Amino acid sequence: MKQTKLDYWIVTCVSQMLLSLSPEERSKRVHVVTDNTLFETPMMIQHVAKSLKAIENASAAQNLPIVVHTAVPEMTGIP
């Protein structure tokens, strides 16, 4: 199974599990984290951003405590 399909499957399973809980039981946030290593192609960066926005929008629409993040390394000390 490709990594992107596995990631999609995991987020889908977590979303379905959260939906099976009552809103009162959804007391903890779930963080979806990806990274931008600064080596990705512009096409990949767009795809990831679009996917994260879709997750964010679907979570908000369904009142799910899912938060998305993109980690970007600091480029300190590089001339």
PDB file of N, CA and C in Angstrom:
ATOM      1  N   MET A   1       0.851  -1.179   0.000  1.00  0.00           N
ATOM      2  CA  MET A   1       0.000   0.000   0.000  1.00  0.00           C
ATOM      3  C   MET A   1       0.895   1.239   0.000  1.00  0.00           C
ATOM      4  N   LYS A   2       0.615   2.171  -0.894  1.00  0.00           N
ATOM      5  CA  LYS A   2       1.405   3.393  -0.944  1.00  0.00           C
ATOM      6  C   LYS A   2       1.154   4.227   0.304  1.00  0.00           C
ATOM      7  N   GLN A   3       2.165   5.020   0.681  1.00  0.00           N
ATOM      8  CA  GLN A   3       2.071   5.826   1.894  1.00  0.00           C
ATOM      9  C   GLN A   3       0.876   6.774   1.856  1.00  0.00           C
ATOM     10  N   THR A   4       0.626   7.421   0.721  1.00  0.00           N
ATOM     11  CA  THR A   4      -0.491   8.372   0.671  1.00  0.00           C
ATOM     12  C   THR A   4      -1.831   7.675   0.871  1.00  0.00           C
ATOM     13  N   LYS A   5      -1.968   6.469   0.322  1.00  0.00           N
ATOM     14  CA  LYS A   5      -3.223   5.726   0.533  1.00  0.00           C
ATOM     15  C   LYS A   5      -3.356   5.304   1.985  1.00  0.00           C
ATOM     16  N   LEU A   6      -2.241   4.911   2.595  1.00  0.00           N
ATOM     17  CA  LEU A   6      -2.267   4.523   3.998  1.00  0.00           C
ATOM     18  C   LEU A   6      -2.633   5.723   4.869  1.00  0.00           C
ATOM     19  N   ASP A   7      -2.036   6.884   4.586  1.00  0.00           N
ATOM     20  CA  ASP A   7      -2.348   8.099   5.341  1.00  0.00           C
ATOM     21  C   ASP A   7      -3.830   8.447   5.221  1.00  0.00           C
ATOM     22  N   TYR A   8      -4.362   8.382   4.004  1.00  0.00           N
ATOM     23  CA  TYR A   8      -5.777   8.672   3.764  1.00  0.00           C
ATOM     24  C   TYR A   8      -6.647   7.695   4.560  1.00  0.00           C
ATOM     25  N   TRP A   9      -6.281   6.438   4.547  1.00  0.00           N
ATOM     26  CA  TRP A   9      -7.040   5.409   5.258  1.00  0.00           C
ATOM     27  C   TRP A   9      -7.033   5.683   6.758  1.00  0.00           C
ATOM     28  N   ILE A  10      -5.886   6.058   7.295  1.00  0.00           N
ATOM     29  CA  ILE A  10      -5.787   6.329   8.733  1.00  0.00           C
ATOM     30  C   ILE A  10      -6.653   7.532   9.112  1.00  0.00           C
ATOM     31  N   VAL A  11      -6.572   8.616   8.348  1.00  0.00           N
ATOM     32  CA  VAL A  11      -7.387   9.804   8.646  1.00  0.00           C
ATOM     33  C   VAL A  11      -8.874   9.466   8.529  1.00  0.00           C
ATOM     34  N   THR A  12      -9.234   8.670   7.542  1.00  0.00           N
ATOM     35  CA  THR A  12     -10.629   8.254   7.382  1.00  0.00           C
ATOM     36  C   THR A  12     -11.098   7.438   8.577  1.00  0.00           C
ATOM     37  N   CYS A  13     -10.281   6.494   9.014  1.00  0.00           N
ATOM     38  CA  CYS A  13     -10.655   5.664  10.174  1.00  0.00           C
ATOM     39  C   CYS A  13     -10.798   6.497  11.438  1.00  0.00           C
ATOM     40  N   VAL A  14      -9.876   7.422  11.654  1.00  0.00           N
ATOM     41  CA  VAL A  14      -9.952   8.282  12.840  1.00  0.00           C
ATOM     42  C   VAL A  14     -11.209   9.152  12.774  1.00  0.00           C
ATOM     43  N   SER A  15     -11.508   9.700  11.603  1.00  0.00           N
ATOM     44  CA  SER A  15     -12.717  10.517  11.449  1.00  0.00           C
ATOM     45  C   SER A  15     -13.972   9.709  11.742  1.00  0.00           C
ATOM     46  N   GLN A  16     -14.038   8.501  11.207  1.00  0.00           N
ATOM     47  CA  GLN A  16     -15.203   7.638  11.441  1.00  0.00           C
ATOM     48  C   GLN A  16     -15.338   7.283  12.922  1.00  0.00           C
ATOM     49  N   MET A  17     -14.215   7.029  13.576  1.00  0.00           N
ATOM     50  CA  MET A  17     -14.248   6.711  15.004  1.00  0.00           C
ATOM     51  C   MET A  17     -14.767   7.911  15.796  1.00  0.00           C
ATOM     52  N   LEU A  18     -14.293   9.111  15.437  1.00  0.00           N
ATOM     53  CA  LEU A  18     -14.758  10.309  16.131  1.00  0.00           C
ATOM     54  C   LEU A  18     -16.253  10.533  15.911  1.00  0.00           C
ATOM     55  N   LEU A  19     -16.716  10.271  14.694  1.00  0.00           N
ATOM     56  CA  LEU A  19     -18.145  10.425  14.407  1.00  0.00           C
ATOM     57  C   LEU A  19     -19.003   9.440  15.189  1.00  0.00           C
ATOM     58  N   SER A  20     -18.420   8.313  15.571  1.00  0.00           N
ATOM     59  CA  SER A  20     -19.183   7.328  16.343  1.00  0.00           C
ATOM     60  C   SER A  20     -19.339   7.749  17.807  1.00  0.00           C
ATOM     61  N   LEU A  21     -18.560   8.734  18.226  1.00  0.00           N
ATOM     62  CA  LEU A  21     -18.665   9.242  19.592  1.00  0.00           C
ATOM     63  C   LEU A  21     -19.663  10.384  19.651  1.00  0.00           C
ATOM     64  N   SER A  22     -20.240  10.575  20.807  1.00  0.00           N
ATOM     65  CA  SER A  22     -21.119  11.737  20.978  1.00  0.00           C
ATOM     66  C   SER A  22     -20.238  12.990  21.036  1.00  0.00           C
ATOM     67  N   PRO A  23     -20.786  14.149  20.697  1.00  0.00           N
ATOM     68  CA  PRO A  23     -19.986  15.378  20.761  1.00  0.00           C
ATOM     69  C   PRO A  23     -19.342  15.615  22.130  1.00  0.00           C
ATOM     70  N   GLU A  24     -20.014  15.197  23.184  1.00  0.00           N
ATOM     71  CA  GLU A  24     -19.455  15.364  24.536  1.00  0.00           C
ATOM     72  C   GLU A  24     -18.223  14.490  24.750  1.00  0.00           C
ATOM     73  N   GLU A  25     -18.160  13.357  24.066  1.00  0.00           N
ATOM     74  CA  GLU A  25     -17.020  12.445  24.226  1.00  0.00           C
ATOM     75  C   GLU A  25     -15.803  12.853  23.383  1.00  0.00           C
ATOM     76  N   ARG A  26     -15.978  13.790  22.486  1.00  0.00           N
ATOM     77  CA  ARG A  26     -14.876  14.257  21.628  1.00  0.00           C
ATOM     78  C   ARG A  26     -14.125  15.383  22.330  1.00  0.00           C
ATOM     79  N   SER A  27     -13.535  15.071  23.466  1.00  0.00           N
ATOM     80  CA  SER A  27     -12.920  16.102  24.302  1.00  0.00           C
ATOM     81  C   SER A  27     -11.461  16.396  23.963  1.00  0.00           C
ATOM     82  N   LYS A  28     -10.809  15.546  23.219  1.00  0.00           N
ATOM     83  CA  LYS A  28      -9.398  15.750  22.882  1.00  0.00           C
ATOM     84  C   LYS A  28      -9.249  16.066  21.400  1.00  0.00           C
ATOM     85  N   ARG A  29      -8.299  16.943  21.103  1.00  0.00           N
ATOM     86  CA  ARG A  29      -8.028  17.259  19.703  1.00  0.00           C
ATOM     87  C   ARG A  29      -7.157  16.176  19.074  1.00  0.00           C
ATOM     88  N   VAL A  30      -7.365  15.955  17.790  1.00  0.00           N
ATOM     89  CA  VAL A  30      -6.550  15.034  17.006  1.00  0.00           C
ATOM     90  C   VAL A  30      -5.754  15.901  16.035  1.00  0.00           C
ATOM     91  N   HIS A  31      -4.443  15.741  16.052  1.00  0.00           N
ATOM     92  CA  HIS A  31      -3.570  16.546  15.205  1.00  0.00           C
ATOM     93  C   HIS A  31      -3.119  15.731  14.005  1.00  0.00           C
ATOM     94  N   VAL A  32      -3.352  16.278  12.817  1.00  0.00           N
ATOM     95  CA  VAL A  32      -2.854  15.687  11.574  1.00  0.00           C
ATOM     96  C   VAL A  32      -1.653  16.532  11.180  1.00  0.00           C
ATOM     97  N   VAL A  33      -0.484  15.897  11.163  1.00  0.00           N
ATOM     98  CA  VAL A  33       0.754  16.632  10.938  1.00  0.00           C
ATOM     99  C   VAL A  33       1.440  16.112   9.683  1.00  0.00           C
ATOM    100  N   THR A  34       1.875  17.038   8.854  1.00  0.00           N
ATOM    101  CA  THR A  34       2.682  16.699   7.691  1.00  0.00           C
ATOM    102  C   THR A  34       3.906  17.599   7.716  1.00  0.00           C
ATOM    103  N   ASP A  35       4.863  17.284   6.885  1.00  0.00           N
ATOM    104  CA  ASP A  35       6.050  18.131   6.855  1.00  0.00           C
ATOM    105  C   ASP A  35       6.356  18.578   5.434  1.00  0.00           C
ATOM    106  N   ASN A  36       6.944  19.747   5.357  1.00  0.00           N
ATOM    107  CA  ASN A  36       7.438  20.276   4.101  1.00  0.00           C
ATOM    108  C   ASN A  36       8.946  20.372   4.281  1.00  0.00           C
ATOM    109  N   THR A  37       9.674  19.468   3.673  1.00  0.00           N
ATOM    110  CA  THR A  37      11.121  19.411   3.848  1.00  0.00           C
ATOM    111  C   THR A  37      11.843  20.445   2.992  1.00  0.00           C
ATOM    112  N   LEU A  38      11.079  21.214   2.233  1.00  0.00           N
ATOM    113  CA  LEU A  38      11.588  22.229   1.311  1.00  0.00           C
ATOM    114  C   LEU A  38      12.258  21.611   0.083  1.00  0.00           C
ATOM    115  N   PHE A  39      12.050  20.309  -0.118  1.00  0.00           N
ATOM    116  CA  PHE A  39      12.551  19.630  -1.306  1.00  0.00           C
ATOM    117  C   PHE A  39      11.414  19.129  -2.191  1.00  0.00           C
ATOM    118  N   GLU A  40      10.170  19.356  -1.763  1.00  0.00           N
ATOM    119  CA  GLU A  40       9.026  18.905  -2.533  1.00  0.00           C
ATOM    120  C   GLU A  40       8.838  19.772  -3.777  1.00  0.00           C
ATOM    121  N   THR A  41       8.261  19.173  -4.781  1.00  0.00           N
ATOM    122  CA  THR A  41       7.958  19.924  -5.997  1.00  0.00           C
ATOM    123  C   THR A  41       6.749  20.826  -5.733  1.00  0.00           C
ATOM    124  N   PRO A  42       6.611  21.898  -6.489  1.00  0.00           N
ATOM    125  CA  PRO A  42       5.435  22.764  -6.311  1.00  0.00           C
ATOM    126  C   PRO A  42       4.121  21.995  -6.462  1.00  0.00           C
ATOM    127  N   MET A  43       4.093  21.022  -7.358  1.00  0.00           N
ATOM    128  CA  MET A  43       2.878  20.228  -7.548  1.00  0.00           C
ATOM    129  C   MET A  43       2.538  19.436  -6.278  1.00  0.00           C
ATOM    130  N   MET A  44       3.549  18.872  -5.630  1.00  0.00           N
ATOM    131  CA  MET A  44       3.326  18.106  -4.396  1.00  0.00           C
ATOM    132  C   MET A  44       2.899  19.037  -3.266  1.00  0.00           C
ATOM    133  N   ILE A  45       3.514  20.193  -3.179  1.00  0.00           N
ATOM    134  CA  ILE A  45       3.144  21.159  -2.139  1.00  0.00           C
ATOM    135  C   ILE A  45       1.681  21.563  -2.298  1.00  0.00           C
ATOM    136  N   GLN A  46       1.242  21.808  -3.525  1.00  0.00           N
ATOM    137  CA  GLN A  46      -0.161  22.150  -3.795  1.00  0.00           C
ATOM    138  C   GLN A  46      -1.091  21.009  -3.399  1.00  0.00           C
ATOM    139  N   HIS A  47      -0.716  19.781  -3.752  1.00  0.00           N
ATOM    140  CA  HIS A  47      -1.541  18.614  -3.433  1.00  0.00           C
ATOM    141  C   HIS A  47      -1.706  18.465  -1.927  1.00  0.00           C
ATOM    142  N   VAL A  48      -0.613  18.582  -1.194  1.00  0.00           N
ATOM    143  CA  VAL A  48      -0.673  18.442   0.265  1.00  0.00           C
ATOM    144  C   VAL A  48      -1.521  19.560   0.867  1.00  0.00           C
ATOM    145  N   ALA A  49      -1.323  20.791   0.409  1.00  0.00           N
ATOM    146  CA  ALA A  49      -2.102  21.922   0.934  1.00  0.00           C
ATOM    147  C   ALA A  49      -3.594  21.731   0.666  1.00  0.00           C
ATOM    148  N   LYS A  50      -3.921  21.269  -0.539  1.00  0.00           N
ATOM    149  CA  LYS A  50      -5.327  21.028  -0.897  1.00  0.00           C
ATOM    150  C   LYS A  50      -5.924  19.917  -0.027  1.00  0.00           C
ATOM    151  N   SER A  51      -5.164  18.861   0.203  1.00  0.00           N
ATOM    152  CA  SER A  51      -5.635  17.746   1.032  1.00  0.00           C
ATOM    153  C   SER A  51      -5.858  18.187   2.473  1.00  0.00           C
ATOM    154  N   LEU A  52      -4.915  18.960   3.010  1.00  0.00           N
ATOM    155  CA  LEU A  52      -5.064  19.436   4.384  1.00  0.00           C
ATOM    156  C   LEU A  52      -6.255  20.376   4.518  1.00  0.00           C
ATOM    157  N   LYS A  53      -6.479  21.210   3.526  1.00  0.00           N
ATOM    158  CA  LYS A  53      -7.640  22.118   3.548  1.00  0.00           C
ATOM    159  C   LYS A  53      -8.942  21.320   3.518  1.00  0.00           C
ATOM    160  N   ALA A  54      -8.966  20.246   2.723  1.00  0.00           N
ATOM    161  CA  ALA A  54     -10.160  19.391   2.656  1.00  0.00           C
ATOM    162  C   ALA A  54     -10.415  18.725   4.003  1.00  0.00           C
ATOM    163  N   ILE A  55      -9.365  18.260   4.661  1.00  0.00           N
ATOM    164  CA  ILE A  55      -9.504  17.649   5.991  1.00  0.00           C
ATOM    165  C   ILE A  55     -10.019  18.684   6.978  1.00  0.00           C
ATOM    166  N   GLU A  56      -9.437  19.878   6.932  1.00  0.00           N
ATOM    167  CA  GLU A  56      -9.849  20.958   7.829  1.00  0.00           C
ATOM    168  C   GLU A  56     -11.317  21.333   7.618  1.00  0.00           C
ATOM    169  N   ASN A  57     -11.725  21.488   6.364  1.00  0.00           N
ATOM    170  CA  ASN A  57     -13.112  21.857   6.052  1.00  0.00           C
ATOM    171  C   ASN A  57     -14.092  20.762   6.463  1.00  0.00           C
ATOM    172  N   ALA A  58     -13.773  19.509   6.164  1.00  0.00           N
ATOM    173  CA  ALA A  58     -14.661  18.399   6.526  1.00  0.00           C
ATOM    174  C   ALA A  58     -14.776  18.271   8.043  1.00  0.00           C
ATOM    175  N   SER A  59     -13.673  18.464   8.740  1.00  0.00           N
ATOM    176  CA  SER A  59     -13.693  18.383  10.204  1.00  0.00           C
ATOM    177  C   SER A  59     -14.575  19.469  10.803  1.00  0.00           C
ATOM    178  N   ALA A  60     -14.436  20.668  10.287  1.00  0.00           N
ATOM    179  CA  ALA A  60     -15.250  21.784  10.791  1.00  0.00           C
ATOM    180  C   ALA A  60     -16.728  21.547  10.503  1.00  0.00           C
ATOM    181  N   ALA A  61     -17.024  21.071   9.305  1.00  0.00           N
ATOM    182  CA  ALA A  61     -18.424  20.835   8.921  1.00  0.00           C
ATOM    183  C   ALA A  61     -19.079  19.762   9.780  1.00  0.00           C
ATOM    184  N   GLN A  62     -18.273  18.797  10.239  1.00  0.00           N
ATOM    185  CA  GLN A  62     -18.817  17.699  11.041  1.00  0.00           C
ATOM    186  C   GLN A  62     -18.559  17.881  12.534  1.00  0.00           C
ATOM    187  N   ASN A  63     -18.040  19.056  12.888  1.00  0.00           N
ATOM    188  CA  ASN A  63     -17.759  19.378  14.286  1.00  0.00           C
ATOM    189  C   ASN A  63     -16.806  18.367  14.930  1.00  0.00           C
ATOM    190  N   LEU A  64     -15.751  18.024  14.199  1.00  0.00           N
ATOM    191  CA  LEU A  64     -14.750  17.089  14.715  1.00  0.00           C
ATOM    192  C   LEU A  64     -13.528  17.867  15.197  1.00  0.00           C
ATOM    193  N   PRO A  65     -12.933  17.421  16.305  1.00  0.00           N
ATOM    194  CA  PRO A  65     -11.788  18.143  16.863  1.00  0.00           C
ATOM    195  C   PRO A  65     -10.466  17.772  16.172  1.00  0.00           C
ATOM    196  N   ILE A  66     -10.428  17.934  14.856  1.00  0.00           N
ATOM    197  CA  ILE A  66      -9.221  17.606  14.098  1.00  0.00           C
ATOM    198  C   ILE A  66      -8.536  18.904  13.699  1.00  0.00           C
ATOM    199  N   VAL A  67      -7.238  18.990  13.971  1.00  0.00           N
ATOM    200  CA  VAL A  67      -6.439  20.169  13.665  1.00  0.00           C
ATOM    201  C   VAL A  67      -5.312  19.737  12.732  1.00  0.00           C
ATOM    202  N   VAL A  68      -5.059  20.508  11.681  1.00  0.00           N
ATOM    203  CA  VAL A  68      -3.984  20.155  10.743  1.00  0.00           C
ATOM    204  C   VAL A  68      -2.799  21.101  10.912  1.00  0.00           C
ATOM    205  N   HIS A  69      -1.609  20.560  10.715  1.00  0.00           N
ATOM    206  CA  HIS A  69      -0.371  21.323  10.849  1.00  0.00           C
ATOM    207  C   HIS A  69       0.589  20.919   9.733  1.00  0.00           C
ATOM    208  N   THR A  70       1.402  21.864   9.304  1.00  0.00           N
ATOM    209  CA  THR A  70       2.513  21.569   8.407  1.00  0.00           C
ATOM    210  C   THR A  70       3.779  22.045   9.074  1.00  0.00           C
ATOM    211  N   ALA A  71       4.716  21.125   9.291  1.00  0.00           N
ATOM    212  CA  ALA A  71       5.998  21.472   9.891  1.00  0.00           C
ATOM    213  C   ALA A  71       6.983  21.835   8.778  1.00  0.00           C
ATOM    214  N   VAL A  72       7.679  22.930   8.981  1.00  0.00           N
ATOM    215  CA  VAL A  72       8.691  23.381   8.024  1.00  0.00           C
ATOM    216  C   VAL A  72       9.981  23.610   8.811  1.00  0.00           C
ATOM    217  N   PRO A  73      11.095  23.042   8.344  1.00  0.00           N
ATOM    218  CA  PRO A  73      12.342  23.217   9.101  1.00  0.00           C
ATOM    219  C   PRO A  73      12.828  24.664   9.056  1.00  0.00           C
ATOM    220  N   GLU A  74      13.474  25.066  10.136  1.00  0.00           N
ATOM    221  CA  GLU A  74      14.097  26.381  10.160  1.00  0.00           C
ATOM    222  C   GLU A  74      15.420  26.280   9.426  1.00  0.00           C
ATOM    223  N   MET A  75      15.709  27.242   8.613  1.00  0.00           N
ATOM    224  CA  MET A  75      16.940  27.236   7.830  1.00  0.00           C
ATOM    225  C   MET A  75      17.925  28.241   8.434  1.00  0.00           C
ATOM    226  N   THR A  76      18.296  28.024   9.676  1.00  0.00           N
ATOM    227  CA  THR A  76      19.218  28.956  10.352  1.00  0.00           C
ATOM    228  C   THR A  76      20.654  28.562  10.068  1.00  0.00           C
ATOM    229  N   GLY A  77      21.502  29.539  10.004  1.00  0.00           N
ATOM    230  CA  GLY A  77      22.924  29.285   9.816  1.00  0.00           C
ATOM    231  C   GLY A  77      23.316  28.939   8.405  1.00  0.00           C
ATOM    232  N   ILE A  78      22.395  29.079   7.451  1.00  0.00           N
ATOM    233  CA  ILE A  78      22.711  28.773   6.060  1.00  0.00           C
ATOM    234  C   ILE A  78      22.954  30.097   5.346  1.00  0.00           C
ATOM    235  N   PRO A  79      24.111  30.228   4.718  1.00  0.00           N
ATOM    236  CA  PRO A  79      24.417  31.504   4.059  1.00  0.00           C
ATOM    237  C   PRO A  79      23.504  31.814   2.892  1.00  0.00           C
TER     238      PRO A  79
END
